Amino acid sequence: IKTGVEIRQDNTYYRAGISYFPDPYIKDFDKVNRDQFNFSIGMGYRTETFYLDGSLVNTRTKGVYSPYSLNNNTAPQADIKYSTYILTLTAG
């Protein structure tokens, strides 16, 4: 699911959006919710001969890491929250 908005003011463009990607695994697999959310903002400037564009995307999801198993068939695990940022700048 994705949605966004863009506002134009003369040669300047302002953008924002959000997207949601559900967990691709069956929920009963390991009880971890891996839903992914992306939040983005951006701004651009365009003329007939030049453009400059920038965007920032924040991606958030969760995961589990289990580094080893014990002899009694249990495995300690770490619940991890991932949050990454990607900054993109383009010009031409």
Protein backbone atom coordinates (compact mmCIF):
# COMPACT_ATOMS: atom_id res chain seq x y z
CA ILE A 1 0.00 0.00 0.00
CA LYS A 2 1.45 3.35 -1.05
CA THR A 3 0.23 6.91 -0.91
CA GLY A 4 1.78 10.31 -1.36
CA VAL A 5 1.26 13.92 -2.22
CA GLU A 6 3.11 16.45 -4.36
CA ILE A 7 2.63 20.20 -4.23
CA ARG A 8 3.94 22.44 -7.00
CA GLN A 9 4.72 26.08 -6.48
CA ASP A 10 6.13 27.70 -9.60
CA ASN A 11 9.33 25.73 -10.35
CA THR A 12 9.55 24.11 -6.89
CA TYR A 13 8.07 20.71 -6.02
CA TYR A 14 7.41 19.39 -2.50
CA ARG A 15 6.68 15.69 -1.93
CA ALA A 16 5.80 13.37 0.95
CA GLY A 17 4.71 9.76 1.04
CA ILE A 18 4.25 6.62 3.06
CA SER A 19 4.23 2.96 2.07
CA TYR A 20 3.40 -0.24 3.91
CA PHE A 21 4.58 -3.74 3.00
CA PRO A 22 3.07 -6.59 5.04
CA ASP A 23 5.20 -9.39 6.45
CA PRO A 24 5.91 -11.93 3.67
CA TYR A 25 6.11 -14.84 6.13
CA ILE A 26 3.23 -16.75 7.69
CA LYS A 27 2.53 -15.22 11.11
CA ASP A 28 2.75 -18.62 12.85
CA PHE A 29 6.27 -19.19 11.47
CA ASP A 30 8.16 -17.51 14.34
CA LYS A 31 5.74 -14.94 15.84
CA VAL A 32 7.79 -12.02 14.49
CA ASN A 33 6.01 -9.12 12.81
CA ARG A 34 8.18 -8.05 9.85
CA ASP A 35 5.82 -5.42 8.46
CA GLN A 36 7.79 -2.66 6.75
CA PHE A 37 6.97 1.04 6.73
CA ASN A 38 8.64 3.66 4.50
CA PHE A 39 8.29 7.38 5.12
CA SER A 40 9.60 9.82 2.52
CA ILE A 41 9.96 13.54 1.96
CA GLY A 42 11.43 15.33 -1.00
CA MET A 43 11.92 18.63 -2.72
CA GLY A 44 12.82 19.53 -6.28
CA TYR A 45 13.51 22.54 -8.47
CA ARG A 46 13.04 22.41 -12.23
CA THR A 47 13.50 24.80 -15.14
CA GLU A 48 13.52 24.12 -18.87
CA THR A 49 17.29 23.47 -18.83
CA PHE A 50 18.09 22.35 -15.26
CA TYR A 51 16.72 20.28 -12.40
CA LEU A 52 17.77 19.58 -8.82
CA ASP A 53 15.99 17.00 -6.73
CA GLY A 54 16.44 15.58 -3.22
CA SER A 55 14.65 13.00 -1.12
CA LEU A 56 14.96 11.34 2.27
CA VAL A 57 13.45 7.90 2.94
CA ASN A 58 13.17 6.29 6.38
CA THR A 59 12.50 2.53 6.39
CA ARG A 60 11.35 0.79 9.59
CA THR A 61 10.95 -2.92 10.25
CA LYS A 62 11.62 -5.55 12.92
CA GLY A 63 13.52 -8.80 13.00
CA VAL A 64 14.98 -11.49 15.24
CA TYR A 65 18.56 -12.73 15.50
CA SER A 66 19.42 -16.04 17.11
CA PRO A 67 23.21 -16.56 17.08
CA TYR A 68 23.28 -20.12 18.42
CA SER A 69 21.22 -23.01 19.86
CA LEU A 70 21.70 -24.61 23.26
CA ASN A 71 21.82 -28.35 24.00
CA ASN A 72 18.27 -28.29 25.41
CA ASN A 73 16.91 -27.13 21.99
CA THR A 74 16.38 -23.53 23.07
CA ALA A 75 17.96 -20.55 21.39
CA PRO A 76 18.42 -17.10 22.88
CA GLN A 77 17.28 -14.42 20.51
CA ALA A 78 17.57 -10.69 20.15
CA ASP A 79 14.59 -8.67 18.97
CA ILE A 80 15.88 -6.04 16.55
CA LYS A 81 14.24 -2.84 15.34
CA TYR A 82 15.71 -1.64 12.06
CA SER A 83 15.52 2.00 11.01
CA THR A 84 17.50 3.10 7.97
CA TYR A 85 17.74 6.43 6.16
CA ILE A 86 18.56 6.97 2.50
CA LEU A 87 19.34 10.45 1.19
CA THR A 88 19.27 10.90 -2.58
CA LEU A 89 20.31 13.98 -4.54
CA THR A 90 20.11 14.26 -8.32
CA ALA A 91 20.87 17.09 -10.73
CA GLY A 92 20.86 17.50 -14.45
